[in-house]
């Protein structure tokens, strides 16, 4: 049985994939780690007392998971990598799969120091500093780094019954990412390069397609919908919608070609930036009524809030 938990980390993504046989765990993979805070300072008000938001690391502990076969980082925004430290508090990792492994002696990057950089560039350094800092603080917790070059589709045989295809963005993105990040760890602060890369982080996001007993599960990372329009897209059974159902997350063309039976949106309730966007949710519901949200999203007349720690799906 394949068990999927789209964890309610509030703002961000963290998806636990497990294969169980007779109640025994055969395989466990975490895709992204969520944010390093359950409450963002740009979200209005306090958490609803009924909220069941949970850090990814704490969710793993509750599941009794002490080891991940794979931890996959789709990209390095704070809402995807910020929870890494708590995850490594909870588990060891056989393989960390990403498109960039920071130098072992890299950092700290001091993103809030007197560097004269604009806010977006500081945020990029902060994300990278959180990623590298979590690894420095947990030596030996990751056994192997698998750094994907991003120049082809990678296919991993995870178990006898489960395979995963990993899709990257444009191949030219990843050498540029390496150059910008390596320069940051060398102490360079090139405003132009940092600001250019901030605009490319989402479109460098990795996407995954899982194959299990004839079922297809697509995990979209934060790749914008317009990028998907240029791909050859086969129908799937479950779609983790990209980029928190923002207005740019999906297009009619991509949704119609993927034709998912179930759509999961990883998003915090109460965001002030129209994520999820009502138009996108209305579009999704033209193709399926089964649209689920990790957090207790409330859009009057469109979505009623549901409080849970995860969107839990089991596939025989």
Protein backbone atom coordinates (compact mmCIF):
# COMPACT_ATOMS: atom_id res chain seq x y z
CA UNK A 1 0.00 0.00 0.00
CA UNK A 2 1.23 3.50 -0.86
CA UNK A 3 0.46 6.11 1.78
CA UNK A 4 0.69 9.82 1.01
CA UNK A 5 0.56 12.54 3.66
CA UNK A 6 0.51 16.13 2.45
CA UNK A 7 1.50 17.60 5.81
CA UNK A 8 -0.19 20.71 7.14
CA UNK A 9 2.96 22.74 7.73
CA UNK A 10 1.01 25.96 7.26
CA UNK A 11 2.90 27.98 4.72
CA UNK A 12 4.88 25.62 2.50
CA UNK A 13 5.20 22.08 1.20
CA UNK A 14 6.13 18.83 2.88
CA UNK A 15 4.92 15.50 1.54
CA UNK A 16 5.55 12.12 3.14
CA UNK A 17 5.48 9.10 0.83
CA UNK A 18 5.49 5.63 2.41
CA UNK A 19 5.09 2.12 1.12
CA UNK A 20 3.68 -0.29 3.68
CA UNK A 21 3.31 -4.06 3.48
CA UNK A 22 1.30 -5.80 6.16
CA UNK A 23 1.62 -2.72 8.34
CA UNK A 24 5.43 -2.77 8.01
CA UNK A 25 7.13 0.26 6.48
CA UNK A 26 9.20 -0.74 3.44
CA UNK A 27 10.11 2.74 2.21
CA UNK A 28 9.81 6.36 3.36
CA UNK A 29 10.52 9.54 1.41
CA UNK A 30 9.93 13.16 2.32
CA UNK A 31 9.54 15.73 -0.45
CA UNK A 32 10.40 19.16 1.01
CA UNK A 33 10.43 20.15 4.67
CA UNK A 34 8.03 23.07 5.05
CA UNK A 35 8.79 26.43 6.65
CA UNK A 36 10.79 27.04 9.83
CA UNK A 37 7.76 28.75 11.41
CA UNK A 38 4.12 27.69 11.58
CA UNK A 39 3.02 31.32 11.64
CA UNK A 40 4.40 33.81 9.14
CA UNK A 41 4.67 37.43 10.23
CA UNK A 42 2.99 38.57 7.00
CA UNK A 43 -0.15 36.53 7.75
CA UNK A 44 -2.82 38.44 9.67
CA UNK A 45 -4.05 37.43 13.11
CA UNK A 46 -3.26 34.47 15.32
CA UNK A 47 -3.74 30.80 14.55
CA UNK A 48 -7.26 29.48 14.93
CA UNK A 49 -7.29 27.45 18.18
CA UNK A 50 -8.58 24.52 16.14
CA UNK A 51 -5.53 24.62 13.87
CA UNK A 52 -3.61 21.38 13.46
CA UNK A 53 -0.55 22.79 11.74
CA UNK A 54 2.54 20.76 12.55
CA UNK A 55 6.24 20.90 11.74
CA UNK A 56 7.34 18.21 9.31
CA UNK A 57 9.89 16.90 11.81
CA UNK A 58 7.23 16.58 14.51
CA UNK A 59 4.92 14.79 12.08
CA UNK A 60 7.66 12.26 11.35
CA UNK A 61 8.14 11.67 15.07
CA UNK A 62 4.42 11.07 15.54
CA UNK A 63 4.54 8.55 12.70
CA UNK A 64 7.37 6.71 14.43
CA UNK A 65 9.75 7.34 11.53
CA UNK A 66 13.42 7.49 12.49
CA UNK A 67 14.94 7.09 9.03
CA UNK A 68 14.11 8.37 5.57
CA UNK A 69 15.29 6.48 2.54
CA UNK A 70 15.13 9.71 0.52
CA UNK A 71 14.73 13.38 1.35
CA UNK A 72 14.08 15.33 -1.83
CA UNK A 73 14.43 19.12 -1.89
CA UNK A 74 12.58 20.53 -4.89
CA UNK A 75 14.22 23.96 -4.48
CA UNK A 76 15.51 26.24 -1.75
CA UNK A 77 12.77 28.69 -0.86
CA UNK A 78 12.24 28.97 2.88
CA UNK A 79 8.74 27.43 2.78
CA UNK A 80 10.22 24.25 1.28
CA UNK A 81 13.60 23.97 3.03
CA UNK A 82 13.07 25.92 6.28
CA UNK A 83 11.98 22.86 8.26
CA UNK A 84 15.11 20.87 7.41
CA UNK A 85 16.67 21.33 10.84
CA UNK A 86 13.64 19.90 12.64
CA UNK A 87 13.49 17.04 10.15
CA UNK A 88 17.13 16.17 10.84
CA UNK A 89 16.42 16.35 14.56
CA UNK A 90 13.89 13.58 14.02
CA UNK A 91 15.43 11.30 11.40
CA UNK A 92 18.54 10.18 9.61
CA UNK A 93 18.53 10.34 5.81
CA UNK A 94 20.03 7.74 3.49
CA UNK A 95 19.98 10.03 0.42
CA UNK A 96 19.34 13.75 0.15
CA UNK A 97 18.40 14.48 -3.46
CA UNK A 98 18.55 18.05 -4.76
CA UNK A 99 20.11 20.22 -7.43
CA UNK A 100 22.66 21.80 -5.08
CA UNK A 101 24.71 20.57 -2.13
CA UNK A 102 26.33 23.39 -0.14
CA UNK A 103 30.03 23.14 0.74
CA UNK A 104 30.63 21.36 4.04
CA UNK A 105 32.33 24.43 5.48
CA UNK A 106 29.91 26.89 3.87
CA UNK A 107 28.43 29.72 5.89
CA UNK A 108 27.07 31.26 7.91
CA UNK A 109 26.07 33.78 5.26
CA UNK A 110 24.91 36.63 7.55
CA UNK A 111 21.97 37.68 5.32
CA UNK A 112 20.96 40.49 7.68
CA UNK A 113 24.42 41.98 8.01
CA UNK A 114 25.59 45.29 6.58
CA UNK A 115 25.68 44.07 2.96
CA UNK A 116 23.75 46.84 1.18
CA UNK A 117 21.51 44.31 -0.58
CA UNK A 118 17.79 44.72 -1.32
CA UNK A 119 15.28 42.60 0.58
CA UNK A 120 14.83 39.98 -2.13
CA UNK A 121 18.56 39.28 -2.28
CA UNK A 122 18.74 39.06 1.52
CA UNK A 123 15.88 36.58 1.48
CA UNK A 124 17.72 34.41 -1.03
CA UNK A 125 20.80 34.37 1.22
CA UNK A 126 18.59 33.62 4.22
CA UNK A 127 17.05 30.60 2.51
CA UNK A 128 20.48 29.28 1.53
CA UNK A 129 21.82 29.98 5.03
CA UNK A 130 18.96 28.01 6.63
CA UNK A 131 19.63 25.06 4.31
CA UNK A 132 23.39 24.99 4.87
CA UNK A 133 23.04 25.78 8.57
CA UNK A 134 20.71 22.83 9.18
CA UNK A 135 23.23 20.50 7.55
CA UNK A 136 26.15 21.94 9.54
CA UNK A 137 24.22 21.52 12.77
CA UNK A 138 23.48 17.85 12.05
CA UNK A 139 26.74 16.25 10.93
CA UNK A 140 26.38 12.64 9.88
CA UNK A 141 22.59 12.71 9.73
CA UNK A 142 22.67 12.61 5.91
CA UNK A 143 24.59 9.60 4.60
CA UNK A 144 24.73 10.55 0.92
CA UNK A 145 24.07 13.65 -1.19
CA UNK A 146 22.73 13.08 -4.69
CA UNK A 147 23.17 16.28 -6.69
CA UNK A 148 21.12 16.22 -9.87
CA UNK A 149 22.56 18.10 -12.85
CA UNK A 150 19.10 19.06 -14.10
CA UNK A 151 19.88 18.19 -17.71
CA UNK A 152 17.61 15.14 -18.09
CA UNK A 153 14.70 13.24 -16.58
CA UNK A 154 15.94 11.08 -13.71
CA UNK A 155 14.15 7.80 -13.04
CA UNK A 156 14.59 6.14 -9.64
CA UNK A 157 13.38 2.66 -8.76
CA UNK A 158 12.34 3.24 -5.17
CA UNK A 159 10.88 -0.19 -4.45
CA UNK A 160 9.78 -3.17 -6.48
CA UNK A 161 6.39 -1.50 -7.03
CA UNK A 162 7.22 2.21 -6.85
CA UNK A 163 9.20 4.30 -9.32
CA UNK A 164 9.71 8.03 -9.58
CA UNK A 165 10.54 10.28 -12.50
CA UNK A 166 12.14 13.60 -11.57
CA UNK A 167 11.74 16.50 -14.00
CA UNK A 168 13.88 19.62 -13.83
CA UNK A 169 13.46 23.01 -15.47
CA UNK A 170 15.59 24.38 -18.28
CA UNK A 171 19.05 22.78 -18.09
CA UNK A 172 20.80 26.16 -18.24
CA UNK A 173 19.30 27.09 -14.86
CA UNK A 174 21.37 24.77 -12.73
CA UNK A 175 24.91 25.85 -13.65
CA UNK A 176 23.71 29.42 -13.00
CA UNK A 177 22.29 28.37 -9.63
CA UNK A 178 25.60 26.74 -8.71
CA UNK A 179 27.58 29.84 -9.72
CA UNK A 180 25.36 32.16 -7.65
CA UNK A 181 25.32 29.92 -4.57
CA UNK A 182 29.02 29.08 -4.69
CA UNK A 183 29.83 32.78 -4.97
CA UNK A 184 27.65 33.52 -1.93
CA UNK A 185 29.57 30.95 0.13
CA UNK A 186 32.85 32.53 -1.01
CA UNK A 187 31.64 35.76 0.53
CA UNK A 188 30.73 37.53 -2.72
CA UNK A 189 27.60 39.70 -2.75
CA UNK A 190 26.78 40.47 -6.39
CA UNK A 191 23.47 42.31 -6.28
CA UNK A 192 22.72 41.72 -9.96
CA UNK A 193 23.34 37.98 -9.88
CA UNK A 194 21.41 37.47 -6.65
CA UNK A 195 18.40 39.46 -7.86
CA UNK A 196 18.34 37.63 -11.19
CA UNK A 197 18.36 34.28 -9.47
CA UNK A 198 15.52 35.21 -7.09
CA UNK A 199 13.31 35.33 -10.20
CA UNK A 200 14.41 31.85 -11.26
CA UNK A 201 14.06 29.86 -8.06
CA UNK A 202 10.52 28.61 -8.67
CA UNK A 203 11.12 27.67 -12.29
CA UNK A 204 14.17 25.67 -11.20
CA UNK A 205 11.90 23.60 -8.95
CA UNK A 206 11.97 19.83 -9.40
CA UNK A 207 8.75 17.98 -10.22
CA UNK A 208 8.06 14.32 -9.60
CA UNK A 209 5.79 11.68 -11.11
CA UNK A 210 5.31 8.58 -9.01
CA UNK A 211 4.12 5.31 -10.56
CA UNK A 212 2.47 2.75 -8.28
CA UNK A 213 0.17 -0.16 -9.26
CA UNK A 214 -1.08 1.70 -12.32
CA UNK A 215 -1.67 4.95 -10.44
CA UNK A 216 0.13 8.18 -11.32
CA UNK A 217 0.90 10.85 -8.72
CA UNK A 218 2.35 14.19 -9.84
CA UNK A 219 4.06 16.46 -7.31
CA UNK A 220 4.44 19.87 -8.88
CA UNK A 221 6.87 21.72 -6.63
CA UNK A 222 6.53 25.44 -7.30
CA UNK A 223 6.83 25.28 -11.09
CA UNK A 224 4.52 27.87 -12.67
CA UNK A 225 1.67 26.59 -14.82
CA UNK A 226 2.87 28.29 -17.99
CA UNK A 227 6.04 26.17 -17.92
CA UNK A 228 3.95 22.99 -17.87
CA UNK A 229 2.17 24.09 -21.05
CA UNK A 230 5.32 23.38 -23.04
CA UNK A 231 5.61 19.82 -21.71
CA UNK A 232 4.07 16.58 -22.90
CA UNK A 233 1.69 15.89 -20.03
CA UNK A 234 0.02 12.54 -19.48
CA UNK A 235 -3.08 12.22 -17.28
CA UNK A 236 -2.56 11.50 -13.59
CA UNK A 237 -4.65 10.32 -10.68
CA UNK A 238 -3.39 12.74 -8.02
CA UNK A 239 -1.86 16.18 -8.55
CA UNK A 240 -0.11 18.24 -5.90
CA UNK A 241 -0.82 21.63 -7.40
CA UNK A 242 2.23 23.86 -7.89
CA UNK A 243 2.90 27.09 -6.02
CA UNK A 244 0.10 27.04 -3.46
CA UNK A 245 -2.68 27.65 -6.04
CA UNK A 246 -1.45 31.15 -6.86
CA UNK A 247 -2.90 32.79 -9.95
CA UNK A 248 0.15 31.69 -11.96
CA UNK A 249 0.18 28.13 -10.60
CA UNK A 250 -2.06 26.56 -13.23
CA UNK A 251 -3.46 27.05 -16.69
CA UNK A 252 -6.51 25.51 -18.28
CA UNK A 253 -4.25 23.74 -20.74
CA UNK A 254 -2.08 22.09 -18.08
CA UNK A 255 -4.99 21.05 -15.87
CA UNK A 256 -7.00 19.62 -18.77
CA UNK A 257 -4.04 17.57 -19.98
CA UNK A 258 -3.15 16.27 -16.53
CA UNK A 259 -6.86 15.57 -15.87
CA UNK A 260 -6.31 14.66 -12.19
CA UNK A 261 -9.02 12.87 -10.24
CA UNK A 262 -7.76 14.37 -6.96
CA UNK A 263 -5.95 17.68 -6.47
CA UNK A 264 -4.12 18.64 -3.27
CA UNK A 265 -3.18 22.24 -2.52
CA UNK A 266 -0.40 22.82 0.03
CA UNK A 267 -1.19 26.26 1.42
CA UNK A 268 -1.66 28.18 4.66
CA UNK A 269 -5.10 29.47 5.53
CA UNK A 270 -5.43 33.21 5.83
CA UNK A 271 -2.68 34.22 3.43
CA UNK A 272 -3.06 37.86 2.36
CA UNK A 273 -1.83 37.25 -1.20
CA UNK A 274 -4.74 35.27 -2.70
CA UNK A 275 -3.13 31.89 -2.34
CA UNK A 276 -5.21 29.92 -3.04
CA UNK A 277 -6.66 32.16 -5.73
CA UNK A 278 -10.46 31.82 -6.12
CA UNK A 279 -10.20 31.76 -9.92
CA UNK A 280 -7.73 28.87 -9.82
CA UNK A 281 -9.94 26.87 -7.44
CA UNK A 282 -12.95 27.47 -9.68
CA UNK A 283 -10.88 26.31 -12.66
CA UNK A 284 -9.80 23.14 -10.87
CA UNK A 285 -13.38 22.30 -9.97
CA UNK A 286 -14.33 22.29 -13.63
CA UNK A 287 -12.24 19.12 -13.87
CA UNK A 288 -12.73 17.48 -10.46
CA UNK A 289 -14.73 18.12 -7.32
CA UNK A 290 -12.06 16.41 -5.24
CA UNK A 291 -9.86 19.41 -4.37
CA UNK A 292 -8.26 19.19 -0.92
CA UNK A 293 -6.27 21.67 1.14
CA UNK A 294 -3.58 20.98 3.73
CA UNK A 295 -4.70 23.85 5.97
CA UNK A 296 -8.18 25.06 6.94
CA UNK A 297 -8.72 27.31 3.93
CA UNK A 298 -11.96 29.30 4.00
CA UNK A 299 -13.26 30.87 0.79
CA UNK A 300 -16.95 31.72 1.30
CA UNK A 301 -19.12 29.94 -1.24
CA UNK A 302 -16.17 27.97 -2.60
CA UNK A 303 -14.14 26.25 0.15
CA UNK A 304 -15.13 25.34 3.70
CA UNK A 305 -12.35 24.98 6.29
CA UNK A 306 -11.25 21.50 7.40
CA UNK A 307 -8.83 21.06 10.27
CA UNK A 308 -6.33 18.21 9.99
CA UNK A 309 -2.61 17.48 10.33
CA UNK A 310 -2.38 16.19 6.77
CA UNK A 311 -4.27 15.30 3.65
CA UNK A 312 -3.99 11.54 3.97
CA UNK A 313 -4.40 9.29 0.91
CA UNK A 314 -3.94 5.53 0.68
CA UNK A 315 -3.48 3.61 -2.57
CA UNK A 316 -3.67 -0.20 -2.67
